[in-house]
Structure formats: structure tokens, C-alpha cells
Amino acid sequence: MFYPPLPSADRRRLTLGCLAFSYVPRARSGFTLVELLVVVAIIGALVALLLPAVQAARESSRRSHCANNLRQQGLALIGFEGEHRTLPVGCVDCLENPKRFHSWNSQILPWLEQAPLRKRLNFTVPSYEGLNIDAGAVVLDVFMCPSTLEPEALSVSKLWKTAAFTDYGGVYGVGGEGQDNVGEDWNIQLLKNAALGALVYDEPVAFSEILDGTSNTIASAELLDRRTTECKWVNGNNVFAQDVETPVNKAVNSSVGIGSPHPGGAQVVFCDGHVVFLSDQMEQRALNAVLTRAGEELHHD
């Protein structure tokens, strides 16, 4: 069938009509303000949920590192005992003159893979003099808890100026009311025998003297008060007596004691080398029992 051509005016109207029906709007390429705010809110909520988990994971890693430090110290103490048949003296030449204040930390250096550093120390002169203080300025990771908040690694005051800090202390025993040495003339220590720990002044302690058992007697512990005068690994004063009424993570009358930045408690190493996290809710009598070597207390985990 033959159709006559349309007039030019009709052809233009038909073409425009087809174009009108075939028009498709382009998709938007951006976000509205409301959509952007929703996305930001979602991201913020996710960060708020994930951040505590990340922080907890980091603290768990730091706590594991700290426990490993104590475990190495415990194994070094056992190594020292294996060679010398006693534990190291807690503080060498601390009671009698001349006072030299050499530490138990210095004595176990060979068992911490620090034999060259041990050879640099001269025990015939005070630990704060000459080459001793130079050697004591070496920062040792095994004596530093990664959770410690204070950034200082070296002391800037008093006799042991420039000496490196430690965040762990040897256990001298349990001090406070009723614990002083009164009437035990044979005992040169400041505390009565039943209150003494494993690392004491001027006397080595043999495993046979730890009547409570090596697995029930703490050798070294995290310190609550850190980066202070006594807290240097080369300083023989790096032993402490926990106050008889002081729980974990709580100082009484500015006393030195067990504590840490770890939430809920602090870590210790026993004389047999095993590491335990002590809760700051630990019963006081149980805490005192594991801090003494011959108190003959009954202790149950």
C-alpha cells in the first residue's frame, strides 16, 4: 500500500514526539546530605564498637609480654640456684658497711643472655659509682613492663642518676605492724623470720629454706609505684616488703607494693618459675602467705 509523504510540519511534530517519549533522565552521581550523614553515623558507631576490642587486644598482648618477662626472670633465678645452690642475695652489702647496694637483678644477668653486661659490673665498689652506673644505664626489656604509663626509661635524680628503671621488684617479705624483727638476735634482717621472703638483704636463701614450697612462694612481682628512686635494676634497694594490710593495686601510707596498669590485678613469678596473675580482690591472708617463705601458712589457689 502506498502512503503519501507527510507535510514537513507534520514530520517535525512526529520527530519531536518520538524524542519526548524516548527521553530517559540520567542517574545521579553524588550523595545527598542526608545520605552522607547516615554513612558518617554508621562509621562512627562501628568505630565506637571496635575501639574497645582493639584496645583490649593490645592490652592482652602487653600483658602476655609482661608475663614472659617475669617467666624469664624466674628461669634465671632457677639457673642461678642451679649453679650456686642458693637464690641470689636480694641486696648485696645493704645492711653492713661499706654499703654497696648491688641487686639481685645484676646477679642473674648471665641467665638473661646478658653475660657481657654482668662482666662490666664491679661488686667491690657501690652500684651507683663509675663503670657500674654506666652499665646500669642499659635499658633491658626483660625488666620493663610494656603497659607502664610513665615514659621515662632512665632516672634523672639522686645517686643512681642515669640508671635504667625496672618495673619489677624482688620480694623481701611482709612488713607492717607486728612483722618487725624483735628479739631474734640470730636474725640480721629487719623483719622477723616468719615474715621474710625469698630475696633478702645480705644473705642468700637456699631452696631448702623455703619451707612453704617454691611453688607457693613469690620471688618477683610487678610494682605499683614505678619509675621511682628504688626501681632501677642495678640498685640493690629493688626489693620490697608488702604491707601486711595492703592488697594488690592499693598503696597504704605510700608503701611500695604489688600492682600494675593491667586491669584487675598484677603479675608475679614464683620461685619455681611459674607466673600467676593476682587479682586485686585476692584475700589478704592468702596474699601474705605467698609472699613469705617460711610462714607455714596454708594457701590454696
Protein backbone atom coordinates (compact mmCIF):
# COMPACT_ATOMS: atom_id res chain seq x y z
CA MET A 1 0.00 0.00 0.00
CA PHE A 2 1.25 3.43 -0.89
CA TYR A 3 1.27 6.24 1.69
CA PRO A 4 1.71 9.75 0.51
CA PRO A 5 4.55 11.71 2.16
CA LEU A 6 3.63 13.82 5.14
CA PRO A 7 3.96 17.55 5.04
CA SER A 8 7.19 18.88 6.57
CA ALA A 9 5.33 20.41 9.57
CA ASP A 10 3.78 17.06 10.42
CA ARG A 11 7.19 15.32 10.10
CA ARG A 12 8.73 17.76 12.66
CA ARG A 13 5.90 17.15 15.16
CA LEU A 14 6.30 13.38 14.81
CA THR A 15 10.07 13.54 15.34
CA LEU A 16 9.75 15.74 18.44
CA GLY A 17 7.09 13.43 19.84
CA CYS A 18 9.34 10.39 19.43
CA LEU A 19 12.20 12.22 21.12
CA ALA A 20 9.93 13.16 24.00
CA PHE A 21 8.85 9.54 24.52
CA SER A 22 12.45 8.20 24.29
CA TYR A 23 13.98 10.65 26.87
CA VAL A 24 15.48 8.92 29.91
CA PRO A 25 16.80 11.06 32.82
CA ARG A 26 20.48 10.50 33.80
CA ALA A 27 21.25 8.80 37.12
CA ARG A 28 22.54 11.00 39.96
CA SER A 29 26.30 10.72 40.52
CA GLY A 30 26.55 12.02 44.18
CA PHE A 31 25.08 11.70 47.68
CA THR A 32 22.53 13.85 49.32
CA LEU A 33 23.39 15.48 52.65
CA VAL A 34 21.08 13.10 54.49
CA GLU A 35 22.75 10.05 52.95
CA LEU A 36 26.19 11.39 53.84
CA LEU A 37 25.17 11.97 57.46
CA VAL A 38 23.78 8.44 57.71
CA VAL A 39 27.05 6.96 56.42
CA VAL A 40 29.10 9.04 58.86
CA ALA A 41 26.86 7.95 61.74
CA ILE A 42 27.25 4.27 60.79
CA ILE A 43 31.04 4.58 60.58
CA GLY A 44 31.13 6.33 63.95
CA ALA A 45 29.06 3.58 65.54
CA LEU A 46 31.35 0.89 64.12
CA VAL A 47 34.45 2.66 65.42
CA ALA A 48 32.86 3.02 68.87
CA LEU A 49 32.12 -0.72 68.89
CA LEU A 50 35.52 -1.83 67.58
CA LEU A 51 37.84 0.52 69.51
CA PRO A 52 37.39 -1.15 72.94
CA ALA A 53 38.02 -4.54 71.33
CA VAL A 54 41.22 -3.26 69.70
CA GLN A 55 42.40 -1.72 72.97
CA ALA A 56 41.62 -4.94 74.84
CA ALA A 57 43.58 -6.96 72.27
CA ARG A 58 46.57 -4.63 72.63
CA GLU A 59 46.46 -4.83 76.43
CA SER A 60 46.24 -8.61 76.23
CA SER A 61 49.38 -8.61 74.11
CA ARG A 62 51.18 -6.30 76.54
CA ARG A 63 50.13 -8.44 79.49
CA SER A 64 51.48 -11.56 77.75
CA HIS A 65 54.76 -9.74 77.12
CA CYS A 66 54.93 -8.77 80.79
CA ALA A 67 54.24 -12.35 81.88
CA ASN A 68 57.04 -13.53 79.61
CA ASN A 69 59.41 -11.03 81.26
CA LEU A 70 58.58 -12.47 84.68
CA ARG A 71 58.92 -16.02 83.37
CA GLN A 72 62.42 -15.24 82.11
CA GLN A 73 63.31 -13.75 85.49
CA GLY A 74 62.01 -16.88 87.20
CA LEU A 75 64.03 -19.17 84.95
CA ALA A 76 67.12 -17.03 85.53
CA LEU A 77 66.66 -17.35 89.30
CA ILE A 78 66.39 -21.12 88.92
CA GLY A 79 69.51 -21.12 86.74
CA PHE A 80 71.39 -19.12 89.38
CA GLU A 81 70.25 -21.53 92.08
CA GLY A 82 71.34 -24.49 89.99
CA GLU A 83 74.90 -23.16 89.86
CA HIS A 84 75.23 -21.59 93.32
CA ARG A 85 72.78 -23.82 95.26
CA THR A 86 71.05 -20.68 96.58
CA LEU A 87 68.99 -17.85 95.20
CA PRO A 88 70.86 -14.56 94.69
CA VAL A 89 71.13 -12.16 97.61
CA GLY A 90 68.29 -9.66 97.34
CA CYS A 91 70.55 -6.70 98.14
CA VAL A 92 74.32 -7.14 98.47
CA ASP A 93 76.03 -5.00 101.14
CA CYS A 94 72.86 -3.17 102.15
CA LEU A 95 72.97 -3.64 105.93
CA GLU A 96 76.66 -3.66 106.76
CA ASN A 97 79.28 -1.03 105.95
CA PRO A 98 80.62 -0.33 103.44
CA LYS A 99 77.26 -0.26 101.72
CA ARG A 100 77.47 -1.10 98.02
CA PHE A 101 73.80 -1.82 97.16
CA HIS A 102 74.19 -4.44 94.44
CA SER A 103 70.96 -6.02 93.23
CA TRP A 104 69.62 -9.49 92.64
CA ASN A 105 68.90 -8.36 89.07
CA SER A 106 72.62 -7.82 88.43
CA GLN A 107 73.45 -11.32 89.68
CA ILE A 108 71.11 -13.13 87.27
CA LEU A 109 72.22 -11.26 84.13
CA PRO A 110 74.17 -14.24 82.69
CA TRP A 111 70.94 -16.29 82.69
CA LEU A 112 69.16 -13.49 80.84
CA GLU A 113 71.69 -13.61 77.97
CA GLN A 114 73.46 -10.56 79.40
CA ALA A 115 76.78 -12.10 80.47
CA PRO A 116 78.89 -9.27 78.91
CA LEU A 117 76.86 -6.72 80.85
CA ARG A 118 77.42 -8.66 84.09
CA LYS A 119 81.18 -8.57 83.47
CA ARG A 120 81.05 -4.77 83.31
CA LEU A 121 79.79 -4.60 86.92
CA ASN A 122 82.29 -4.36 89.77
CA PHE A 123 80.82 -5.63 93.04
CA THR A 124 83.74 -4.24 95.09
CA VAL A 125 82.51 -0.66 94.62
CA PRO A 126 78.99 0.80 95.06
CA SER A 127 76.49 0.16 92.30
CA TYR A 128 75.99 3.90 91.78
CA GLU A 129 79.65 4.68 91.03
CA GLY A 130 81.93 4.65 87.99
CA LEU A 131 81.52 1.87 85.45
CA ASN A 132 78.67 0.34 87.45
CA ILE A 133 76.34 3.25 86.79
CA ASP A 134 77.39 3.23 83.13
CA ALA A 135 76.44 -0.43 82.86
CA GLY A 136 73.26 0.24 84.82
CA ALA A 137 72.16 2.75 82.19
CA VAL A 138 71.47 -0.08 79.74
CA VAL A 139 67.70 -0.43 79.31
CA LEU A 140 66.75 -4.11 79.49
CA ASP A 141 63.42 -5.13 78.00
CA VAL A 142 63.12 -8.06 80.42
CA PHE A 143 62.83 -5.59 83.30
CA MET A 144 60.32 -3.24 81.61
CA CYS A 145 56.56 -3.83 81.54
CA PRO A 146 55.09 -2.64 78.21
CA SER A 147 51.91 -1.45 79.95
CA THR A 148 53.75 1.07 82.14
CA LEU A 149 52.31 4.54 81.57
CA GLU A 150 55.38 6.55 82.58
CA PRO A 151 57.60 7.13 79.52
CA GLU A 152 60.90 7.65 81.33
CA ALA A 153 63.43 4.83 80.91
CA LEU A 154 66.35 6.41 82.83
CA SER A 155 66.50 8.10 86.22
CA VAL A 156 67.36 11.78 86.37
CA SER A 157 67.90 12.20 90.11
CA LYS A 158 69.75 11.05 93.23
CA LEU A 159 72.61 8.54 93.50
CA TRP A 160 71.51 6.30 90.65
CA LYS A 161 71.09 9.15 88.18
CA THR A 162 71.08 7.89 84.54
CA ALA A 163 70.40 4.29 85.70
CA ALA A 164 67.72 2.34 83.83
CA PHE A 165 64.42 1.62 85.56
CA THR A 166 62.74 -1.70 86.23
CA ASP A 167 59.03 -2.31 86.77
CA TYR A 168 59.55 -5.44 88.89
CA GLY A 169 60.79 -5.86 92.45
CA GLY A 170 62.15 -8.77 94.45
CA VAL A 171 60.04 -9.87 97.41
CA TYR A 172 61.72 -9.15 100.75
CA GLY A 173 58.65 -10.29 102.69
CA VAL A 174 55.65 -8.85 104.53
CA GLY A 175 56.13 -5.72 106.63
CA GLY A 176 54.00 -3.52 108.81
CA GLU A 177 52.52 -3.93 112.27
CA GLY A 178 53.79 -6.99 114.10
CA GLN A 179 56.28 -8.00 111.40
CA ASP A 180 59.47 -6.32 112.63
CA ASN A 181 62.40 -8.32 113.95
CA VAL A 182 62.14 -8.06 117.73
CA GLY A 183 64.22 -10.43 119.85
CA GLU A 184 65.57 -12.65 117.06
CA ASP A 185 69.23 -11.88 117.71
CA TRP A 186 70.38 -14.55 115.28
CA ASN A 187 68.36 -12.89 112.51
CA ILE A 188 70.17 -9.95 110.85
CA GLN A 189 67.12 -8.97 108.82
CA LEU A 190 64.71 -6.10 109.52
CA LEU A 191 61.70 -8.45 109.64
CA LYS A 192 61.07 -11.47 111.81
CA ASN A 193 61.91 -14.80 110.19
CA ALA A 194 58.28 -15.80 109.57
CA ALA A 195 57.72 -12.57 107.62
CA LEU A 196 60.71 -12.90 105.28
CA GLY A 197 60.51 -13.63 101.59
CA ALA A 198 62.90 -15.23 99.11
CA LEU A 199 65.17 -12.26 98.26
CA VAL A 200 66.56 -10.65 101.41
CA TYR A 201 69.42 -8.39 102.49
CA ASP A 202 72.98 -9.69 102.57
CA GLU A 203 72.04 -13.38 102.84
CA PRO A 204 71.40 -15.94 100.12
CA VAL A 205 68.35 -18.14 100.55
CA ALA A 206 68.51 -21.83 99.64
CA PHE A 207 65.51 -23.70 98.30
CA SER A 208 65.68 -25.87 101.43
CA GLU A 209 64.91 -22.75 103.49
CA ILE A 210 61.68 -22.11 101.58
CA LEU A 211 59.58 -24.24 103.88
CA ASP A 212 56.30 -23.17 102.30
CA GLY A 213 57.48 -24.62 98.98
CA THR A 214 58.90 -22.93 95.88
CA SER A 215 55.54 -23.21 94.12
CA ASN A 216 53.88 -21.30 96.98
CA THR A 217 56.44 -18.50 97.40
CA ILE A 218 56.68 -15.43 95.17
CA ALA A 219 60.15 -14.33 94.08
CA SER A 220 59.45 -11.22 91.99
CA ALA A 221 56.38 -9.11 91.29
CA GLU A 222 55.12 -6.12 89.36
CA LEU A 223 55.37 -2.87 91.30
CA LEU A 224 52.51 -0.42 91.70
CA ASP A 225 54.78 2.59 92.18
CA ARG A 226 57.04 2.71 89.12
CA ARG A 227 59.94 4.71 87.75
CA THR A 228 60.96 5.90 91.25
CA THR A 229 64.27 6.01 93.13
CA GLU A 230 64.43 2.34 94.14
CA CYS A 231 63.05 1.00 90.87
CA LYS A 232 66.33 0.56 88.97
CA TRP A 233 67.63 -2.85 88.08
CA VAL A 234 71.19 -2.03 89.20
CA ASN A 235 70.03 -0.66 92.59
CA GLY A 236 70.07 -3.22 95.38
CA ASN A 237 67.16 -1.48 97.07
CA ASN A 238 64.96 -3.06 94.40
CA VAL A 239 63.40 -5.40 96.95
CA PHE A 240 60.21 -4.62 98.86
CA ALA A 241 58.11 -5.75 101.79
CA GLN A 242 54.37 -5.72 101.14
CA ASP A 243 52.45 -4.09 103.97
CA VAL A 244 50.56 -6.73 105.95
CA GLU A 245 47.28 -4.88 105.33
CA THR A 246 47.91 -3.80 101.73
CA PRO A 247 46.05 -5.63 98.93
CA VAL A 248 47.14 -5.79 95.31
CA ASN A 249 46.94 -2.48 93.45
CA LYS A 250 46.46 -0.35 96.55
CA ALA A 251 49.18 1.62 98.32
CA VAL A 252 48.81 2.21 102.06
CA ASN A 253 50.72 5.13 103.59
CA SER A 254 52.80 5.45 100.40
CA SER A 255 54.18 1.93 100.90
CA VAL A 256 55.75 0.06 97.99
CA GLY A 257 53.64 -2.86 96.93
CA ILE A 258 52.36 -5.18 94.24
CA GLY A 259 50.37 -3.52 91.48
CA SER A 260 50.21 -2.83 87.78
CA PRO A 261 48.43 -0.94 84.99
CA HIS A 262 46.83 -4.23 83.91
CA PRO A 263 43.10 -4.13 84.68
CA GLY A 264 42.10 -6.19 87.70
CA GLY A 265 45.42 -7.14 89.24
CA ALA A 266 49.16 -7.70 88.79
CA GLN A 267 51.51 -10.48 87.76
CA VAL A 268 54.09 -12.32 89.86
CA VAL A 269 56.59 -15.13 89.36
CA PHE A 270 57.05 -17.86 91.94
CA CYS A 271 60.34 -19.45 92.97
CA ASP A 272 59.63 -22.48 90.78
CA GLY A 273 59.29 -20.24 87.71
CA HIS A 274 55.54 -20.23 87.12
CA VAL A 275 53.74 -16.91 86.58
CA VAL A 276 50.36 -16.01 88.09
CA PHE A 277 48.04 -13.03 87.70
CA LEU A 278 46.94 -12.00 91.19
CA SER A 279 43.52 -10.39 91.39
CA ASP A 280 43.22 -7.11 93.27
CA GLN A 281 40.31 -8.83 95.06
CA MET A 282 42.64 -11.50 96.47
CA GLU A 283 42.07 -12.22 100.16
CA GLN A 284 44.74 -10.51 102.28
CA ARG A 285 45.81 -13.57 104.27
CA ALA A 286 46.30 -15.55 101.08
CA LEU A 287 48.42 -12.74 99.62
CA ASN A 288 50.58 -12.53 102.74
CA ALA A 289 51.03 -16.30 102.69
CA VAL A 290 52.56 -16.43 99.20
CA LEU A 291 54.91 -13.52 99.99
CA THR A 292 56.70 -15.33 102.83
CA ARG A 293 58.95 -18.36 102.54
CA ALA A 294 58.53 -19.97 105.95
CA GLY A 295 55.32 -18.63 107.44
CA GLU A 296 53.87 -22.17 107.33
CA GLU A 297 50.53 -20.78 106.17
CA LEU A 298 48.05 -22.91 104.27
CA HIS A 299 47.41 -21.43 100.84
CA HIS A 300 45.01 -22.67 98.20
CA ASP A 301 44.73 -21.24 94.66
